[in-house]
C-alpha atoms as a PDB file:
ATOM      1  CA  UNK A   1      25.986   5.642   7.975  1.00  0.00           C
ATOM      2  CA  UNK A   2      22.276   6.295   8.408  1.00  0.00           C
ATOM      3  CA  UNK A   3      19.776   4.906   5.873  1.00  0.00           C
ATOM      4  CA  UNK A   4      18.491   7.574   3.490  1.00  0.00           C
ATOM      5  CA  UNK A   5      14.869   8.683   3.681  1.00  0.00           C
ATOM      6  CA  UNK A   6      12.757   6.286   1.607  1.00  0.00           C
ATOM      7  CA  UNK A   7      11.883   8.089  -1.626  1.00  0.00           C
ATOM      8  CA  UNK A   8       9.660   7.200  -4.554  1.00  0.00           C
ATOM      9  CA  UNK A   9      10.734   8.732  -7.845  1.00  0.00           C
ATOM     10  CA  UNK A  10       8.730  10.811 -10.298  1.00  0.00           C
ATOM     11  CA  UNK A  11       8.313   8.021 -12.854  1.00  0.00           C
ATOM     12  CA  UNK A  12       6.482   5.884 -10.279  1.00  0.00           C
ATOM     13  CA  UNK A  13       3.967   8.667  -9.751  1.00  0.00           C
ATOM     14  CA  UNK A  14       3.652   9.114 -13.512  1.00  0.00           C
ATOM     15  CA  UNK A  15       2.872   5.396 -13.761  1.00  0.00           C
ATOM     16  CA  UNK A  16       0.335   5.657 -10.932  1.00  0.00           C
ATOM     17  CA  UNK A  17      -1.417   8.629 -12.548  1.00  0.00           C
ATOM     18  CA  UNK A  18      -1.517   6.804 -15.888  1.00  0.00           C
ATOM     19  CA  UNK A  19      -2.813   3.675 -14.129  1.00  0.00           C
ATOM     20  CA  UNK A  20      -5.827   5.683 -13.007  1.00  0.00           C
ATOM     21  CA  UNK A  21      -6.682   6.557 -16.616  1.00  0.00           C
ATOM     22  CA  UNK A  22     -10.329   7.580 -16.887  1.00  0.00           C
ATOM     23  CA  UNK A  23     -10.725   7.144 -13.110  1.00  0.00           C
ATOM     24  CA  UNK A  24      -8.641  10.297 -12.602  1.00  0.00           C
ATOM     25  CA  UNK A  25     -11.601  12.629 -12.236  1.00  0.00           C
ATOM     26  CA  UNK A  26     -11.763  15.890 -10.265  1.00  0.00           C
ATOM     27  CA  UNK A  27     -12.673  14.117  -7.001  1.00  0.00           C
ATOM     28  CA  UNK A  28      -9.698  11.742  -7.370  1.00  0.00           C
ATOM     29  CA  UNK A  29      -7.368  14.649  -8.214  1.00  0.00           C
ATOM     30  CA  UNK A  30      -8.567  16.407  -5.055  1.00  0.00           C
ATOM     31  CA  UNK A  31      -7.952  13.306  -2.882  1.00  0.00           C
ATOM     32  CA  UNK A  32      -4.497  12.882  -4.415  1.00  0.00           C
ATOM     33  CA  UNK A  33      -3.723  16.536  -3.669  1.00  0.00           C
ATOM     34  CA  UNK A  34      -4.714  15.918  -0.024  1.00  0.00           C
ATOM     35  CA  UNK A  35      -2.283  12.982  -0.067  1.00  0.00           C
ATOM     36  CA  UNK A  36       0.514  15.290  -1.224  1.00  0.00           C
ATOM     37  CA  UNK A  37       0.430  14.717  -4.989  1.00  0.00           C
ATOM     38  CA  UNK A  38      -0.645  17.279  -7.577  1.00  0.00           C
ATOM     39  CA  UNK A  39      -1.745  14.898 -10.332  1.00  0.00           C
ATOM     40  CA  UNK A  40      -2.420  17.718 -12.786  1.00  0.00           C
ATOM     41  CA  UNK A  41       0.669  19.801 -12.073  1.00  0.00           C
ATOM     42  CA  UNK A  42       4.402  19.351 -12.434  1.00  0.00           C
ATOM     43  CA  UNK A  43       5.698  16.394 -10.477  1.00  0.00           C
ATOM     44  CA  UNK A  44       8.667  16.624  -8.144  1.00  0.00           C
ATOM     45  CA  UNK A  45      11.692  14.431  -8.890  1.00  0.00           C
ATOM     46  CA  UNK A  46      10.952  12.359  -5.771  1.00  0.00           C
ATOM     47  CA  UNK A  47       8.444  12.147  -2.924  1.00  0.00           C
ATOM     48  CA  UNK A  48       8.602  10.636   0.559  1.00  0.00           C
ATOM     49  CA  UNK A  49       7.297   7.086   0.884  1.00  0.00           C
ATOM     50  CA  UNK A  50       4.362   8.426   2.943  1.00  0.00           C
ATOM     51  CA  UNK A  51       3.071  10.335  -0.107  1.00  0.00           C
ATOM     52  CA  UNK A  52       3.368   7.202  -2.266  1.00  0.00           C
ATOM     53  CA  UNK A  53       1.431   5.089   0.225  1.00  0.00           C
ATOM     54  CA  UNK A  54      -1.299   7.714   0.583  1.00  0.00           C
ATOM     55  CA  UNK A  55      -1.581   8.157  -3.208  1.00  0.00           C
ATOM     56  CA  UNK A  56      -1.628   4.377  -3.737  1.00  0.00           C
ATOM     57  CA  UNK A  57      -4.485   4.039  -1.234  1.00  0.00           C
ATOM     58  CA  UNK A  58      -6.427   6.785  -3.050  1.00  0.00           C
ATOM     59  CA  UNK A  59      -5.855   5.024  -6.386  1.00  0.00           C
ATOM     60  CA  UNK A  60      -6.874   1.625  -4.956  1.00  0.00           C
ATOM     61  CA  UNK A  61     -10.071   3.058  -3.482  1.00  0.00           C
ATOM     62  CA  UNK A  62     -10.870   4.690  -6.821  1.00  0.00           C
ATOM     63  CA  UNK A  63     -10.310   1.685  -9.138  1.00  0.00           C
ATOM     64  CA  UNK A  64     -11.852  -0.975  -6.865  1.00  0.00           C
ATOM     65  CA  UNK A  65     -13.893   0.790  -4.162  1.00  0.00           C
ATOM     66  CA  UNK A  66     -15.629  -2.344  -2.855  1.00  0.00           C
ATOM     67  CA  UNK A  67     -12.476  -4.493  -2.632  1.00  0.00           C
ATOM     68  CA  UNK A  68     -10.160  -4.833   0.380  1.00  0.00           C
ATOM     69  CA  UNK A  69      -7.014  -2.700   0.103  1.00  0.00           C
ATOM     70  CA  UNK A  70      -4.661  -5.486  -1.021  1.00  0.00           C
ATOM     71  CA  UNK A  71      -7.040  -6.671  -3.766  1.00  0.00           C
ATOM     72  CA  UNK A  72      -7.653  -3.130  -4.994  1.00  0.00           C
ATOM     73  CA  UNK A  73      -3.920  -2.386  -4.840  1.00  0.00           C
ATOM     74  CA  UNK A  74      -3.254  -5.483  -6.986  1.00  0.00           C
ATOM     75  CA  UNK A  75      -5.545  -3.994  -9.650  1.00  0.00           C
ATOM     76  CA  UNK A  76      -3.549  -0.760  -9.430  1.00  0.00           C
ATOM     77  CA  UNK A  77      -0.295  -2.746  -9.662  1.00  0.00           C
ATOM     78  CA  UNK A  78      -1.357  -4.397 -12.908  1.00  0.00           C
ATOM     79  CA  UNK A  79      -2.544  -1.106 -14.374  1.00  0.00           C
ATOM     80  CA  UNK A  80       0.617   0.572 -13.083  1.00  0.00           C
ATOM     81  CA  UNK A  81       2.815  -1.587 -15.320  1.00  0.00           C
ATOM     82  CA  UNK A  82       0.793  -0.440 -18.324  1.00  0.00           C
ATOM     83  CA  UNK A  83       1.026   3.196 -17.208  1.00  0.00           C
ATOM     84  CA  UNK A  84       4.693   2.953 -16.228  1.00  0.00           C
ATOM     85  CA  UNK A  85       5.534   1.431 -19.610  1.00  0.00           C
ATOM     86  CA  UNK A  86       4.462   4.684 -21.250  1.00  0.00           C
ATOM     87  CA  UNK A  87       7.135   6.620 -19.316  1.00  0.00           C
ATOM     88  CA  UNK A  88      10.640   6.898 -20.779  1.00  0.00           C
ATOM     89  CA  UNK A  89      12.261   4.810 -18.030  1.00  0.00           C
ATOM     90  CA  UNK A  90       9.348   2.374 -17.848  1.00  0.00           C
ATOM     91  CA  UNK A  91       9.397   1.773 -21.590  1.00  0.00           C
ATOM     92  CA  UNK A  92      13.113   0.961 -21.446  1.00  0.00           C
ATOM     93  CA  UNK A  93      12.633  -1.323 -18.429  1.00  0.00           C
ATOM     94  CA  UNK A  94       9.717  -3.222 -20.013  1.00  0.00           C
ATOM     95  CA  UNK A  95      11.718  -3.653 -23.216  1.00  0.00           C
ATOM     96  CA  UNK A  96      14.496  -5.241 -21.168  1.00  0.00           C
ATOM     97  CA  UNK A  97      12.002  -7.454 -19.299  1.00  0.00           C
ATOM     98  CA  UNK A  98      10.686  -8.826 -22.602  1.00  0.00           C
ATOM     99  CA  UNK A  99      14.218  -9.763 -23.645  1.00  0.00           C
ATOM    100  CA  UNK A 100      15.199 -11.276 -20.290  1.00  0.00           C
ATOM    101  CA  UNK A 101      12.318 -13.694 -19.774  1.00  0.00           C
ATOM    102  CA  UNK A 102      10.757 -14.456 -16.391  1.00  0.00           C
ATOM    103  CA  UNK A 103      13.693 -16.058 -14.545  1.00  0.00           C
ATOM    104  CA  UNK A 104      16.243 -13.381 -15.395  1.00  0.00           C
ATOM    105  CA  UNK A 105      13.648 -10.652 -14.829  1.00  0.00           C
ATOM    106  CA  UNK A 106      13.070 -11.962 -11.293  1.00  0.00           C
ATOM    107  CA  UNK A 107      16.815 -12.205 -10.669  1.00  0.00           C
ATOM    108  CA  UNK A 108      17.042  -8.467 -11.393  1.00  0.00           C
ATOM    109  CA  UNK A 109      14.037  -7.528  -9.245  1.00  0.00           C
ATOM    110  CA  UNK A 110      15.864  -5.224  -6.819  1.00  0.00           C
ATOM    111  CA  UNK A 111      17.348  -3.327  -9.760  1.00  0.00           C
ATOM    112  CA  UNK A 112      13.947  -3.236 -11.486  1.00  0.00           C
ATOM    113  CA  UNK A 113      12.214  -1.893  -8.389  1.00  0.00           C
ATOM    114  CA  UNK A 114      15.000   0.609  -7.789  1.00  0.00           C
ATOM    115  CA  UNK A 115      14.070   2.410 -11.020  1.00  0.00           C
ATOM    116  CA  UNK A 116      11.117   3.779  -9.050  1.00  0.00           C
ATOM    117  CA  UNK A 117      12.444   3.995  -5.470  1.00  0.00           C
ATOM    118  CA  UNK A 118      15.652   4.298  -3.480  1.00  0.00           C
ATOM    119  CA  UNK A 119      14.760   1.807  -0.757  1.00  0.00           C
ATOM    120  CA  UNK A 120      13.208  -1.497  -1.925  1.00  0.00           C
ATOM    121  CA  UNK A 121      15.258  -4.658  -1.460  1.00  0.00           C
ATOM    122  CA  UNK A 122      14.449  -8.175  -2.604  1.00  0.00           C
ATOM    123  CA  UNK A 123      15.750 -11.664  -2.017  1.00  0.00           C
ATOM    124  CA  UNK A 124      14.801 -14.557  -4.252  1.00  0.00           C
ATOM    125  CA  UNK A 125      14.891 -18.289  -3.560  1.00  0.00           C
ATOM    126  CA  UNK A 126      14.230 -20.818  -6.311  1.00  0.00           C
ATOM    127  CA  UNK A 127      11.722 -23.474  -5.228  1.00  0.00           C
ATOM    128  CA  UNK A 128      11.362 -25.256  -8.585  1.00  0.00           C
ATOM    129  CA  UNK A 129      12.071 -24.753 -12.288  1.00  0.00           C
ATOM    130  CA  UNK A 130       9.415 -22.019 -12.578  1.00  0.00           C
ATOM    131  CA  UNK A 131       8.610 -21.304  -8.920  1.00  0.00           C
ATOM    132  CA  UNK A 132      10.248 -18.810  -6.604  1.00  0.00           C
ATOM    133  CA  UNK A 133       9.862 -17.263  -3.176  1.00  0.00           C
ATOM    134  CA  UNK A 134      10.477 -13.525  -3.481  1.00  0.00           C
ATOM    135  CA  UNK A 135      10.980 -11.530  -0.291  1.00  0.00           C
ATOM    136  CA  UNK A 136      10.521  -7.745  -0.512  1.00  0.00           C
ATOM    137  CA  UNK A 137      11.168  -5.099   2.106  1.00  0.00           C
ATOM    138  CA  UNK A 138      10.025  -2.644   3.145  1.00  0.00           C
ATOM    139  CA  UNK A 139       6.524  -3.228   1.805  1.00  0.00           C
ATOM    140  CA  UNK A 140       3.594  -1.168   3.070  1.00  0.00           C
ATOM    141  CA  UNK A 141       0.773  -2.226   0.694  1.00  0.00           C
ATOM    142  CA  UNK A 142       1.677  -5.816  -0.195  1.00  0.00           C
ATOM    143  CA  UNK A 143      -1.143  -6.293  -2.710  1.00  0.00           C
ATOM    144  CA  UNK A 144       0.311  -3.675  -5.055  1.00  0.00           C
ATOM    145  CA  UNK A 145       3.280  -5.946  -5.752  1.00  0.00           C
ATOM    146  CA  UNK A 146       1.004  -8.915  -6.521  1.00  0.00           C
ATOM    147  CA  UNK A 147      -0.382  -6.982  -9.487  1.00  0.00           C
ATOM    148  CA  UNK A 148       3.011  -5.527 -10.371  1.00  0.00           C
ATOM    149  CA  UNK A 149       4.726  -8.941 -10.402  1.00  0.00           C
ATOM    150  CA  UNK A 150       1.866 -10.577 -12.347  1.00  0.00           C
ATOM    151  CA  UNK A 151       1.999  -7.912 -15.040  1.00  0.00           C
ATOM    152  CA  UNK A 152       5.811  -8.094 -15.101  1.00  0.00           C
ATOM    153  CA  UNK A 153       5.723 -11.868 -15.512  1.00  0.00           C
ATOM    154  CA  UNK A 154       3.218 -11.551 -18.348  1.00  0.00           C
ATOM    155  CA  UNK A 155       5.407  -8.915 -20.023  1.00  0.00           C
ATOM    156  CA  UNK A 156       8.410 -11.238 -19.699  1.00  0.00           C
ATOM    157  CA  UNK A 157       6.627 -14.018 -21.543  1.00  0.00           C
ATOM    158  CA  UNK A 158       5.661 -16.225 -18.566  1.00  0.00           C
ATOM    159  CA  UNK A 159       2.675 -18.470 -19.299  1.00  0.00           C
ATOM    160  CA  UNK A 160      -0.094 -18.734 -16.696  1.00  0.00           C
ATOM    161  CA  UNK A 161       1.706 -16.754 -13.959  1.00  0.00           C
ATOM    162  CA  UNK A 162       0.505 -16.741 -10.374  1.00  0.00           C
ATOM    163  CA  UNK A 163       1.579 -14.548  -7.471  1.00  0.00           C
ATOM    164  CA  UNK A 164       0.413 -15.044  -3.891  1.00  0.00           C
ATOM    165  CA  UNK A 165       1.404 -13.397  -0.649  1.00  0.00           C
ATOM    166  CA  UNK A 166       2.495 -16.274   1.588  1.00  0.00           C
ATOM    167  CA  UNK A 167       3.839 -14.359   4.584  1.00  0.00           C
ATOM    168  CA  UNK A 168       3.870 -10.865   6.014  1.00  0.00           C
ATOM    169  CA  UNK A 169       5.985  -9.868   8.942  1.00  0.00           C
ATOM    170  CA  UNK A 170       6.446  -6.215   9.794  1.00  0.00           C
ATOM    171  CA  UNK A 171       7.462  -4.448   6.588  1.00  0.00           C
ATOM    172  CA  UNK A 172       8.540  -7.692   4.912  1.00  0.00           C
ATOM    173  CA  UNK A 173       6.356  -9.634   2.488  1.00  0.00           C
ATOM    174  CA  UNK A 174       7.092 -13.003   0.901  1.00  0.00           C
ATOM    175  CA  UNK A 175       5.493 -13.802  -2.454  1.00  0.00           C
ATOM    176  CA  UNK A 176       5.093 -17.221  -4.044  1.00  0.00           C
ATOM    177  CA  UNK A 177       5.685 -16.662  -7.762  1.00  0.00           C
ATOM    178  CA  UNK A 178       5.114 -19.383 -10.346  1.00  0.00           C
ATOM    179  CA  UNK A 179       4.257 -19.975 -13.979  1.00  0.00           C
ATOM    180  CA  UNK A 180       3.947 -22.910 -16.345  1.00  0.00           C
END
């Protein structure tokens, strides 16, 4: 059986639009429209991954124009969690994350990420009591997940979380995730 087309669901785009907040001006709306997203209209139930990547790059350039893509995308990732939490599905997911705590939240990462896509896969390896290697694939803008994971760890109650990209190979990224 052939793999389905990678899709990103409506709630992810809602979270992205909310992450832009006051930065969603007319120029940004126009650039998002060029990327395939009507930020002021009705959203489709799902979009191809290419639209997500293009919209994410527009958002990153808007919120941190001087920063390299991965750093700017990390800012978007952090703000995304706040924006996503104001969606119906995001609010439910963040409520669950708070109850689970950081270790159980990480153990459910594929399921968590699959609330917004149909394609992301993760593999986690425990390196210490509060340190993990998390492999994600396919990842196009690796920095986005740095911000996403940091905000998720904070929401789960982790103290002093850190997330670093330690390896990238093709569409696979490995993150070192730790907290005290």
